[in-house]
Amino acid sequence: MFFDKQIEENALYLLDEPENSLSPKFQLELKYLIEDSVRYKNCQLVIATHSPFMLSLKNAKIYNLDETPVAVQKWYELENVKIMCELFKENQEYFEN
């Protein structure tokens, strides 16, 4: 709710880990809010994050600061996202049924 009320049209926002302390459900809601703000309010956002939810923002340009030199990558190419994916794959049977 905080972000929804604060975002104005044609603005630039710098966010440092906005997902911090949010549950996965609310991180996903924040992701959709940011996507809508870019689309409908013509906002630009620079976001520092490790969250796969934030990293998967549509049309995001991701600078991987863990690479030398810094590399532009897709969210699904990032090491921390791949590690999480492997964790869920290894434990897939717990999510079935």
PDB file of N, CA and C in Angstrom:
ATOM      1  N   MET A   1       0.816  -1.192   0.000  1.00  0.00           N
ATOM      2  CA  MET A   1       0.000   0.000   0.000  1.00  0.00           C
ATOM      3  C   MET A   1       0.867   1.266   0.000  1.00  0.00           C
ATOM      4  N   PHE A   2       1.990   1.198   0.715  1.00  0.00           N
ATOM      5  CA  PHE A   2       2.861   2.369   0.780  1.00  0.00           C
ATOM      6  C   PHE A   2       3.296   2.802  -0.616  1.00  0.00           C
ATOM      7  N   PHE A   3       3.823   1.860  -1.391  1.00  0.00           N
ATOM      8  CA  PHE A   3       4.322   2.188  -2.720  1.00  0.00           C
ATOM      9  C   PHE A   3       3.203   2.665  -3.630  1.00  0.00           C
ATOM     10  N   ASP A   4       2.051   2.053  -3.529  1.00  0.00           N
ATOM     11  CA  ASP A   4       0.924   2.410  -4.380  1.00  0.00           C
ATOM     12  C   ASP A   4       0.536   3.872  -4.195  1.00  0.00           C
ATOM     13  N   LYS A   5       0.579   4.365  -2.974  1.00  0.00           N
ATOM     14  CA  LYS A   5       0.182   5.743  -2.690  1.00  0.00           C
ATOM     15  C   LYS A   5       1.292   6.753  -2.984  1.00  0.00           C
ATOM     16  N   GLN A   6       2.539   6.296  -3.049  1.00  0.00           N
ATOM     17  CA  GLN A   6       3.671   7.213  -3.199  1.00  0.00           C
ATOM     18  C   GLN A   6       4.116   7.427  -4.636  1.00  0.00           C
ATOM     19  N   ILE A   7       3.823   6.503  -5.524  1.00  0.00           N
ATOM     20  CA  ILE A   7       4.337   6.587  -6.892  1.00  0.00           C
ATOM     21  C   ILE A   7       3.541   7.606  -7.705  1.00  0.00           C
ATOM     22  N   GLU A   8       4.279   8.562  -8.278  1.00  0.00           N
ATOM     23  CA  GLU A   8       3.674   9.620  -9.078  1.00  0.00           C
ATOM     24  C   GLU A   8       4.033   9.419 -10.554  1.00  0.00           C
ATOM     25  N   GLU A   9       3.328  10.094 -11.425  1.00  0.00           N
ATOM     26  CA  GLU A   9       3.579   9.984 -12.857  1.00  0.00           C
ATOM     27  C   GLU A   9       4.894  10.650 -13.246  1.00  0.00           C
ATOM     28  N   ASN A  10       5.527  10.076 -14.277  1.00  0.00           N
ATOM     29  CA  ASN A  10       6.743  10.639 -14.883  1.00  0.00           C
ATOM     30  C   ASN A  10       7.853  10.892 -13.872  1.00  0.00           C
ATOM     31  N   ALA A  11       8.029   9.973 -12.957  1.00  0.00           N
ATOM     32  CA  ALA A  11       9.025  10.150 -11.902  1.00  0.00           C
ATOM     33  C   ALA A  11      10.107   9.073 -11.994  1.00  0.00           C
ATOM     34  N   LEU A  12      11.235   9.376 -11.379  1.00  0.00           N
ATOM     35  CA  LEU A  12      12.340   8.439 -11.273  1.00  0.00           C
ATOM     36  C   LEU A  12      12.471   8.054  -9.806  1.00  0.00           C
ATOM     37  N   TYR A  13      12.578   6.744  -9.538  1.00  0.00           N
ATOM     38  CA  TYR A  13      12.695   6.250  -8.163  1.00  0.00           C
ATOM     39  C   TYR A  13      13.935   5.383  -8.035  1.00  0.00           C
ATOM     40  N   LEU A  14      14.655   5.552  -6.941  1.00  0.00           N
ATOM     41  CA  LEU A  14      15.809   4.730  -6.595  1.00  0.00           C
ATOM     42  C   LEU A  14      15.419   3.925  -5.368  1.00  0.00           C
ATOM     43  N   LEU A  15      15.384   2.604  -5.512  1.00  0.00           N
ATOM     44  CA  LEU A  15      14.928   1.742  -4.420  1.00  0.00           C
ATOM     45  C   LEU A  15      16.027   0.758  -4.034  1.00  0.00           C
ATOM     46  N   ASP A  16      16.324   0.697  -2.757  1.00  0.00           N
ATOM     47  CA  ASP A  16      17.310  -0.243  -2.232  1.00  0.00           C
ATOM     48  C   ASP A  16      16.577  -1.374  -1.536  1.00  0.00           C
ATOM     49  N   GLU A  17      16.540  -2.524  -2.181  1.00  0.00           N
ATOM     50  CA  GLU A  17      15.886  -3.727  -1.666  1.00  0.00           C
ATOM     51  C   GLU A  17      14.475  -3.438  -1.134  1.00  0.00           C
ATOM     52  N   PRO A  18      13.582  -2.981  -1.990  1.00  0.00           N
ATOM     53  CA  PRO A  18      12.227  -2.654  -1.530  1.00  0.00           C
ATOM     54  C   PRO A  18      11.454  -3.874  -1.030  1.00  0.00           C
ATOM     55  N   GLU A  19      11.917  -5.049  -1.399  1.00  0.00           N
ATOM     56  CA  GLU A  19      11.240  -6.284  -0.983  1.00  0.00           C
ATOM     57  C   GLU A  19      11.638  -6.725   0.423  1.00  0.00           C
ATOM     58  N   ASN A  20      12.622  -6.041   1.000  1.00  0.00           N
ATOM     59  CA  ASN A  20      13.122  -6.431   2.312  1.00  0.00           C
ATOM     60  C   ASN A  20      11.983  -6.522   3.327  1.00  0.00           C
ATOM     61  N   SER A  21      11.902  -7.613   4.017  1.00  0.00           N
ATOM     62  CA  SER A  21      10.892  -7.897   5.046  1.00  0.00           C
ATOM     63  C   SER A  21       9.505  -8.189   4.478  1.00  0.00           C
ATOM     64  N   LEU A  22       9.385  -8.333   3.165  1.00  0.00           N
ATOM     65  CA  LEU A  22       8.095  -8.693   2.584  1.00  0.00           C
ATOM     66  C   LEU A  22       8.031 -10.196   2.333  1.00  0.00           C
ATOM     67  N   SER A  23       6.886 -10.771   2.573  1.00  0.00           N
ATOM     68  CA  SER A  23       6.682 -12.190   2.261  1.00  0.00           C
ATOM     69  C   SER A  23       6.713 -12.365   0.746  1.00  0.00           C
ATOM     70  N   PRO A  24       6.912 -13.580   0.254  1.00  0.00           N
ATOM     71  CA  PRO A  24       6.870 -13.808  -1.195  1.00  0.00           C
ATOM     72  C   PRO A  24       5.575 -13.309  -1.836  1.00  0.00           C
ATOM     73  N   LYS A  25       4.461 -13.482  -1.163  1.00  0.00           N
ATOM     74  CA  LYS A  25       3.178 -13.011  -1.694  1.00  0.00           C
ATOM     75  C   LYS A  25       3.215 -11.502  -1.941  1.00  0.00           C
ATOM     76  N   PHE A  26       3.711 -10.751  -0.967  1.00  0.00           N
ATOM     77  CA  PHE A  26       3.747  -9.300  -1.099  1.00  0.00           C
ATOM     78  C   PHE A  26       4.867  -8.834  -2.033  1.00  0.00           C
ATOM     79  N   GLN A  27       5.945  -9.613  -2.135  1.00  0.00           N
ATOM     80  CA  GLN A  27       6.968  -9.290  -3.124  1.00  0.00           C
ATOM     81  C   GLN A  27       6.389  -9.387  -4.534  1.00  0.00           C
ATOM     82  N   LEU A  28       5.579 -10.396  -4.768  1.00  0.00           N
ATOM     83  CA  LEU A  28       4.935 -10.558  -6.066  1.00  0.00           C
ATOM     84  C   LEU A  28       3.968  -9.410  -6.340  1.00  0.00           C
ATOM     85  N   GLU A  29       3.221  -9.007  -5.331  1.00  0.00           N
ATOM     86  CA  GLU A  29       2.313  -7.863  -5.490  1.00  0.00           C
ATOM     87  C   GLU A  29       3.098  -6.588  -5.797  1.00  0.00           C
ATOM     88  N   LEU A  30       4.227  -6.408  -5.123  1.00  0.00           N
ATOM     89  CA  LEU A  30       5.067  -5.236  -5.379  1.00  0.00           C
ATOM     90  C   LEU A  30       5.605  -5.274  -6.804  1.00  0.00           C
ATOM     91  N   LYS A  31       6.002  -6.431  -7.264  1.00  0.00           N
ATOM     92  CA  LYS A  31       6.473  -6.585  -8.647  1.00  0.00           C
ATOM     93  C   LYS A  31       5.411  -6.105  -9.628  1.00  0.00           C
ATOM     94  N   TYR A  32       4.174  -6.549  -9.452  1.00  0.00           N
ATOM     95  CA  TYR A  32       3.089  -6.146 -10.352  1.00  0.00           C
ATOM     96  C   TYR A  32       2.810  -4.642 -10.248  1.00  0.00           C
ATOM     97  N   LEU A  33       2.885  -4.107  -9.056  1.00  0.00           N
ATOM     98  CA  LEU A  33       2.678  -2.667  -8.871  1.00  0.00           C
ATOM     99  C   LEU A  33       3.749  -1.872  -9.612  1.00  0.00           C
ATOM    100  N   ILE A  34       4.986  -2.313  -9.519  1.00  0.00           N
ATOM    101  CA  ILE A  34       6.075  -1.623 -10.210  1.00  0.00           C
ATOM    102  C   ILE A  34       5.882  -1.717 -11.720  1.00  0.00           C
ATOM    103  N   GLU A  35       5.521  -2.888 -12.215  1.00  0.00           N
ATOM    104  CA  GLU A  35       5.281  -3.045 -13.653  1.00  0.00           C
ATOM    105  C   GLU A  35       4.151  -2.118 -14.123  1.00  0.00           C
ATOM    106  N   ASP A  36       3.097  -2.036 -13.345  1.00  0.00           N
ATOM    107  CA  ASP A  36       1.980  -1.144 -13.696  1.00  0.00           C
ATOM    108  C   ASP A  36       2.398   0.316 -13.641  1.00  0.00           C
ATOM    109  N   SER A  37       3.237   0.674 -12.681  1.00  0.00           N
ATOM    110  CA  SER A  37       3.702   2.057 -12.552  1.00  0.00           C
ATOM    111  C   SER A  37       4.551   2.471 -13.753  1.00  0.00           C
ATOM    112  N   VAL A  38       5.362   1.546 -14.225  1.00  0.00           N
ATOM    113  CA  VAL A  38       6.178   1.824 -15.410  1.00  0.00           C
ATOM    114  C   VAL A  38       5.272   1.971 -16.633  1.00  0.00           C
ATOM    115  N   ARG A  39       4.336   1.080 -16.746  1.00  0.00           N
ATOM    116  CA  ARG A  39       3.464   1.061 -17.932  1.00  0.00           C
ATOM    117  C   ARG A  39       2.465   2.221 -17.960  1.00  0.00           C
ATOM    118  N   TYR A  40       1.787   2.439 -16.861  1.00  0.00           N
ATOM    119  CA  TYR A  40       0.684   3.404 -16.858  1.00  0.00           C
ATOM    120  C   TYR A  40       1.052   4.794 -16.332  1.00  0.00           C
ATOM    121  N   LYS A  41       2.111   4.871 -15.531  1.00  0.00           N
ATOM    122  CA  LYS A  41       2.493   6.168 -14.969  1.00  0.00           C
ATOM    123  C   LYS A  41       3.808   6.683 -15.537  1.00  0.00           C
ATOM    124  N   ASN A  42       4.380   5.936 -16.485  1.00  0.00           N
ATOM    125  CA  ASN A  42       5.600   6.350 -17.164  1.00  0.00           C
ATOM    126  C   ASN A  42       6.742   6.607 -16.175  1.00  0.00           C
ATOM    127  N   CYS A  43       6.855   5.751 -15.172  1.00  0.00           N
ATOM    128  CA  CYS A  43       7.913   5.878 -14.165  1.00  0.00           C
ATOM    129  C   CYS A  43       9.143   5.082 -14.593  1.00  0.00           C
ATOM    130  N   GLN A  44      10.270   5.493 -14.055  1.00  0.00           N
ATOM    131  CA  GLN A  44      11.498   4.729 -14.194  1.00  0.00           C
ATOM    132  C   GLN A  44      11.985   4.392 -12.796  1.00  0.00           C
ATOM    133  N   LEU A  45      12.500   3.183 -12.650  1.00  0.00           N
ATOM    134  CA  LEU A  45      12.990   2.763 -11.339  1.00  0.00           C
ATOM    135  C   LEU A  45      14.366   2.129 -11.476  1.00  0.00           C
ATOM    136  N   VAL A  46      15.240   2.486 -10.554  1.00  0.00           N
ATOM    137  CA  VAL A  46      16.528   1.829 -10.409  1.00  0.00           C
ATOM    138  C   VAL A  46      16.424   1.083  -9.087  1.00  0.00           C
ATOM    139  N   ILE A  47      16.574  -0.234  -9.146  1.00  0.00           N
ATOM    140  CA  ILE A  47      16.329  -1.061  -7.966  1.00  0.00           C
ATOM    141  C   ILE A  47      17.552  -1.923  -7.675  1.00  0.00           C
ATOM    142  N   ALA A  48      18.045  -1.866  -6.452  1.00  0.00           N
ATOM    143  CA  ALA A  48      19.074  -2.784  -5.973  1.00  0.00           C
ATOM    144  C   ALA A  48      18.342  -3.914  -5.256  1.00  0.00           C
ATOM    145  N   THR A  49      18.567  -5.155  -5.704  1.00  0.00           N
ATOM    146  CA  THR A  49      17.808  -6.271  -5.142  1.00  0.00           C
ATOM    147  C   THR A  49      18.511  -7.594  -5.359  1.00  0.00           C
ATOM    148  N   HIS A  50      18.141  -8.574  -4.541  1.00  0.00           N
ATOM    149  CA  HIS A  50      18.532  -9.971  -4.743  1.00  0.00           C
ATOM    150  C   HIS A  50      17.285 -10.828  -4.951  1.00  0.00           C
ATOM    151  N   SER A  51      16.133 -10.234  -4.884  1.00  0.00           N
ATOM    152  CA  SER A  51      14.870 -10.957  -4.947  1.00  0.00           C
ATOM    153  C   SER A  51      14.563 -11.439  -6.366  1.00  0.00           C
ATOM    154  N   PRO A  52      14.339 -12.733  -6.549  1.00  0.00           N
ATOM    155  CA  PRO A  52      13.927 -13.223  -7.870  1.00  0.00           C
ATOM    156  C   PRO A  52      12.638 -12.562  -8.348  1.00  0.00           C
ATOM    157  N   PHE A  53      11.764 -12.179  -7.433  1.00  0.00           N
ATOM    158  CA  PHE A  53      10.529 -11.505  -7.820  1.00  0.00           C
ATOM    159  C   PHE A  53      10.830 -10.160  -8.465  1.00  0.00           C
ATOM    160  N   MET A  54      11.676  -9.367  -7.829  1.00  0.00           N
ATOM    161  CA  MET A  54      12.033  -8.062  -8.375  1.00  0.00           C
ATOM    162  C   MET A  54      12.877  -8.215  -9.642  1.00  0.00           C
ATOM    163  N   LEU A  55      13.759  -9.199  -9.642  1.00  0.00           N
ATOM    164  CA  LEU A  55      14.611  -9.422 -10.806  1.00  0.00           C
ATOM    165  C   LEU A  55      13.820  -9.829 -12.035  1.00  0.00           C
ATOM    166  N   SER A  56      12.655 -10.433 -11.830  1.00  0.00           N
ATOM    167  CA  SER A  56      11.856 -10.911 -12.965  1.00  0.00           C
ATOM    168  C   SER A  56      10.896  -9.849 -13.510  1.00  0.00           C
ATOM    169  N   LEU A  57      11.073  -8.603 -13.131  1.00  0.00           N
ATOM    170  CA  LEU A  57      10.246  -7.523 -13.672  1.00  0.00           C
ATOM    171  C   LEU A  57      10.311  -7.540 -15.198  1.00  0.00           C
ATOM    172  N   LYS A  58       9.165  -7.387 -15.851  1.00  0.00           N
ATOM    173  CA  LYS A  58       9.117  -7.385 -17.312  1.00  0.00           C
ATOM    174  C   LYS A  58       9.995  -6.267 -17.870  1.00  0.00           C
ATOM    175  N   ASN A  59      10.780  -6.629 -18.872  1.00  0.00           N
ATOM    176  CA  ASN A  59      11.645  -5.683 -19.595  1.00  0.00           C
ATOM    177  C   ASN A  59      12.706  -5.011 -18.735  1.00  0.00           C
ATOM    178  N   ALA A  60      13.021  -5.612 -17.587  1.00  0.00           N
ATOM    179  CA  ALA A  60      14.062  -5.030 -16.733  1.00  0.00           C
ATOM    180  C   ALA A  60      15.432  -5.210 -17.368  1.00  0.00           C
ATOM    181  N   LYS A  61      16.258  -4.209 -17.223  1.00  0.00           N
ATOM    182  CA  LYS A  61      17.655  -4.313 -17.631  1.00  0.00           C
ATOM    183  C   LYS A  61      18.449  -4.549 -16.356  1.00  0.00           C
ATOM    184  N   ILE A  62      19.038  -5.716 -16.256  1.00  0.00           N
ATOM    185  CA  ILE A  62      19.701  -6.131 -15.017  1.00  0.00           C
ATOM    186  C   ILE A  62      21.210  -6.070 -15.181  1.00  0.00           C
ATOM    187  N   TYR A  63      21.836  -5.305 -14.308  1.00  0.00           N
ATOM    188  CA  TYR A  63      23.283  -5.221 -14.270  1.00  0.00           C
ATOM    189  C   TYR A  63      23.762  -6.134 -13.144  1.00  0.00           C
ATOM    190  N   ASN A  64      24.483  -7.184 -13.498  1.00  0.00           N
ATOM    191  CA  ASN A  64      24.995  -8.124 -12.509  1.00  0.00           C
ATOM    192  C   ASN A  64      26.314  -7.585 -11.971  1.00  0.00           C
ATOM    193  N   LEU A  65      26.253  -7.023 -10.774  1.00  0.00           N
ATOM    194  CA  LEU A  65      27.435  -6.422 -10.160  1.00  0.00           C
ATOM    195  C   LEU A  65      28.388  -7.459  -9.585  1.00  0.00           C
ATOM    196  N   ASP A  66      27.983  -8.740  -9.592  1.00  0.00           N
ATOM    197  CA  ASP A  66      28.867  -9.815  -9.137  1.00  0.00           C
ATOM    198  C   ASP A  66      29.846 -10.244 -10.229  1.00  0.00           C
ATOM    199  N   GLU A  67      29.640  -9.776 -11.443  1.00  0.00           N
ATOM    200  CA  GLU A  67      30.518 -10.106 -12.563  1.00  0.00           C
ATOM    201  C   GLU A  67      31.577  -9.023 -12.740  1.00  0.00           C
ATOM    202  N   THR A  68      32.752  -9.443 -13.214  1.00  0.00           N
ATOM    203  CA  THR A  68      33.811  -8.497 -13.542  1.00  0.00           C
ATOM    204  C   THR A  68      34.249  -8.772 -14.970  1.00  0.00           C
ATOM    205  N   PRO A  69      34.023  -7.852 -15.873  1.00  0.00           N
ATOM    206  CA  PRO A  69      33.336  -6.581 -15.684  1.00  0.00           C
ATOM    207  C   PRO A  69      31.838  -6.789 -15.474  1.00  0.00           C
ATOM    208  N   VAL A  70      31.175  -5.757 -15.018  1.00  0.00           N
ATOM    209  CA  VAL A  70      29.727  -5.821 -14.795  1.00  0.00           C
ATOM    210  C   VAL A  70      29.057  -6.250 -16.094  1.00  0.00           C
ATOM    211  N   ALA A  71      28.102  -7.182 -15.967  1.00  0.00           N
ATOM    212  CA  ALA A  71      27.438  -7.733 -17.149  1.00  0.00           C
ATOM    213  C   ALA A  71      25.936  -7.476 -17.092  1.00  0.00           C
ATOM    214  N   VAL A  72      25.347  -7.267 -18.253  1.00  0.00           N
ATOM    215  CA  VAL A  72      23.889  -7.199 -18.364  1.00  0.00           C
ATOM    216  C   VAL A  72      23.412  -8.626 -18.593  1.00  0.00           C
ATOM    217  N   GLN A  73      22.468  -9.084 -17.753  1.00  0.00           N
ATOM    218  CA  GLN A  73      21.983 -10.453 -17.845  1.00  0.00           C
ATOM    219  C   GLN A  73      20.474 -10.496 -17.688  1.00  0.00           C
ATOM    220  N   LYS A  74      19.899 -11.618 -18.093  1.00  0.00           N
ATOM    221  CA  LYS A  74      18.492 -11.904 -17.836  1.00  0.00           C
ATOM    222  C   LYS A  74      18.384 -12.429 -16.412  1.00  0.00           C
ATOM    223  N   TRP A  75      17.219 -12.269 -15.783  1.00  0.00           N
ATOM    224  CA  TRP A  75      17.054 -12.671 -14.392  1.00  0.00           C
ATOM    225  C   TRP A  75      17.295 -14.159 -14.196  1.00  0.00           C
ATOM    226  N   TYR A  76      16.914 -14.972 -15.158  1.00  0.00           N
ATOM    227  CA  TYR A  76      17.051 -16.423 -15.030  1.00  0.00           C
ATOM    228  C   TYR A  76      18.474 -16.912 -15.298  1.00  0.00           C
ATOM    229  N   GLU A  77      19.371 -16.009 -15.676  1.00  0.00           N
ATOM    230  CA  GLU A  77      20.775 -16.353 -15.867  1.00  0.00           C
ATOM    231  C   GLU A  77      21.606 -16.095 -14.614  1.00  0.00           C
ATOM    232  N   LEU A  78      21.047 -15.414 -13.640  1.00  0.00           N
ATOM    233  CA  LEU A  78      21.789 -15.039 -12.434  1.00  0.00           C
ATOM    234  C   LEU A  78      22.023 -16.237 -11.526  1.00  0.00           C
ATOM    235  N   GLU A  79      23.220 -16.287 -10.945  1.00  0.00           N
ATOM    236  CA  GLU A  79      23.599 -17.430 -10.123  1.00  0.00           C
ATOM    237  C   GLU A  79      22.638 -17.674  -8.958  1.00  0.00           C
ATOM    238  N   ASN A  80      22.250 -16.614  -8.231  1.00  0.00           N
ATOM    239  CA  ASN A  80      21.394 -16.830  -7.058  1.00  0.00           C
ATOM    240  C   ASN A  80      20.011 -17.345  -7.464  1.00  0.00           C
ATOM    241  N   VAL A  81      19.503 -16.948  -8.623  1.00  0.00           N
ATOM    242  CA  VAL A  81      18.216 -17.445  -9.095  1.00  0.00           C
ATOM    243  C   VAL A  81      18.351 -18.914  -9.497  1.00  0.00           C
ATOM    244  N   LYS A  82      19.452 -19.255 -10.160  1.00  0.00           N
ATOM    245  CA  LYS A  82      19.680 -20.650 -10.554  1.00  0.00           C
ATOM    246  C   LYS A  82      19.790 -21.554  -9.324  1.00  0.00           C
ATOM    247  N   ILE A  83      20.433 -21.069  -8.282  1.00  0.00           N
ATOM    248  CA  ILE A  83      20.577 -21.858  -7.044  1.00  0.00           C
ATOM    249  C   ILE A  83      19.204 -22.118  -6.434  1.00  0.00           C
ATOM    250  N   MET A  84      18.353 -21.110  -6.384  1.00  0.00           N
ATOM    251  CA  MET A  84      17.003 -21.299  -5.842  1.00  0.00           C
ATOM    252  C   MET A  84      16.208 -22.271  -6.701  1.00  0.00           C
ATOM    253  N   CYS A  85      16.339 -22.147  -7.999  1.00  0.00           N
ATOM    254  CA  CYS A  85      15.643 -23.048  -8.915  1.00  0.00           C
ATOM    255  C   CYS A  85      16.060 -24.503  -8.663  1.00  0.00           C
ATOM    256  N   GLU A  86      17.342 -24.726  -8.502  1.00  0.00           N
ATOM    257  CA  GLU A  86      17.839 -26.080  -8.236  1.00  0.00           C
ATOM    258  C   GLU A  86      17.294 -26.622  -6.913  1.00  0.00           C
ATOM    259  N   LEU A  87      17.224 -25.774  -5.904  1.00  0.00           N
ATOM    260  CA  LEU A  87      16.668 -26.186  -4.618  1.00  0.00           C
ATOM    261  C   LEU A  87      15.244 -26.698  -4.787  1.00  0.00           C
ATOM    262  N   PHE A  88      14.426 -25.950  -5.522  1.00  0.00           N
ATOM    263  CA  PHE A  88      13.038 -26.357  -5.724  1.00  0.00           C
ATOM    264  C   PHE A  88      12.939 -27.599  -6.599  1.00  0.00           C
ATOM    265  N   LYS A  89      13.800 -27.719  -7.591  1.00  0.00           N
ATOM    266  CA  LYS A  89      13.797 -28.922  -8.431  1.00  0.00           C
ATOM    267  C   LYS A  89      14.140 -30.158  -7.608  1.00  0.00           C
ATOM    268  N   GLU A  90      15.136 -30.032  -6.736  1.00  0.00           N
ATOM    269  CA  GLU A  90      15.560 -31.158  -5.897  1.00  0.00           C
ATOM    270  C   GLU A  90      14.470 -31.589  -4.923  1.00  0.00           C
ATOM    271  N   ASN A  91      13.580 -30.683  -4.603  1.00  0.00           N
ATOM    272  CA  ASN A  91      12.524 -30.963  -3.619  1.00  0.00           C
ATOM    273  C   ASN A  91      11.136 -30.914  -4.238  1.00  0.00           C
ATOM    274  N   GLN A  92      11.067 -31.136  -5.520  1.00  0.00           N
ATOM    275  CA  GLN A  92       9.812 -31.019  -6.254  1.00  0.00           C
ATOM    276  C   GLN A  92       8.719 -31.922  -5.704  1.00  0.00           C
ATOM    277  N   GLU A  93       9.083 -33.090  -5.205  1.00  0.00           N
ATOM    278  CA  GLU A  93       8.055 -34.030  -4.726  1.00  0.00           C
ATOM    279  C   GLU A  93       7.251 -33.454  -3.564  1.00  0.00           C
ATOM    280  N   TYR A  94       7.817 -32.514  -2.826  1.00  0.00           N
ATOM    281  CA  TYR A  94       7.091 -31.910  -1.719  1.00  0.00           C
ATOM    282  C   TYR A  94       5.993 -30.954  -2.179  1.00  0.00           C
ATOM    283  N   PHE A  95       6.111 -30.483  -3.399  1.00  0.00           N
ATOM    284  CA  PHE A  95       5.154 -29.523  -3.934  1.00  0.00           C
ATOM    285  C   PHE A  95       4.047 -30.174  -4.758  1.00  0.00           C
ATOM    286  N   GLU A  96       4.205 -31.432  -5.038  1.00  0.00           N
ATOM    287  CA  GLU A  96       3.197 -32.151  -5.820  1.00  0.00           C
ATOM    288  C   GLU A  96       2.097 -32.668  -4.900  1.00  0.00           C
ATOM    289  N   ASN A  97       0.924 -32.769  -5.444  1.00  0.00           N
ATOM    290  CA  ASN A  97      -0.281 -33.244  -4.722  1.00  0.00           C
ATOM    291  C   ASN A  97      -0.876 -32.167  -3.927  1.00  0.00           C
TER     292      ASN A  97
END
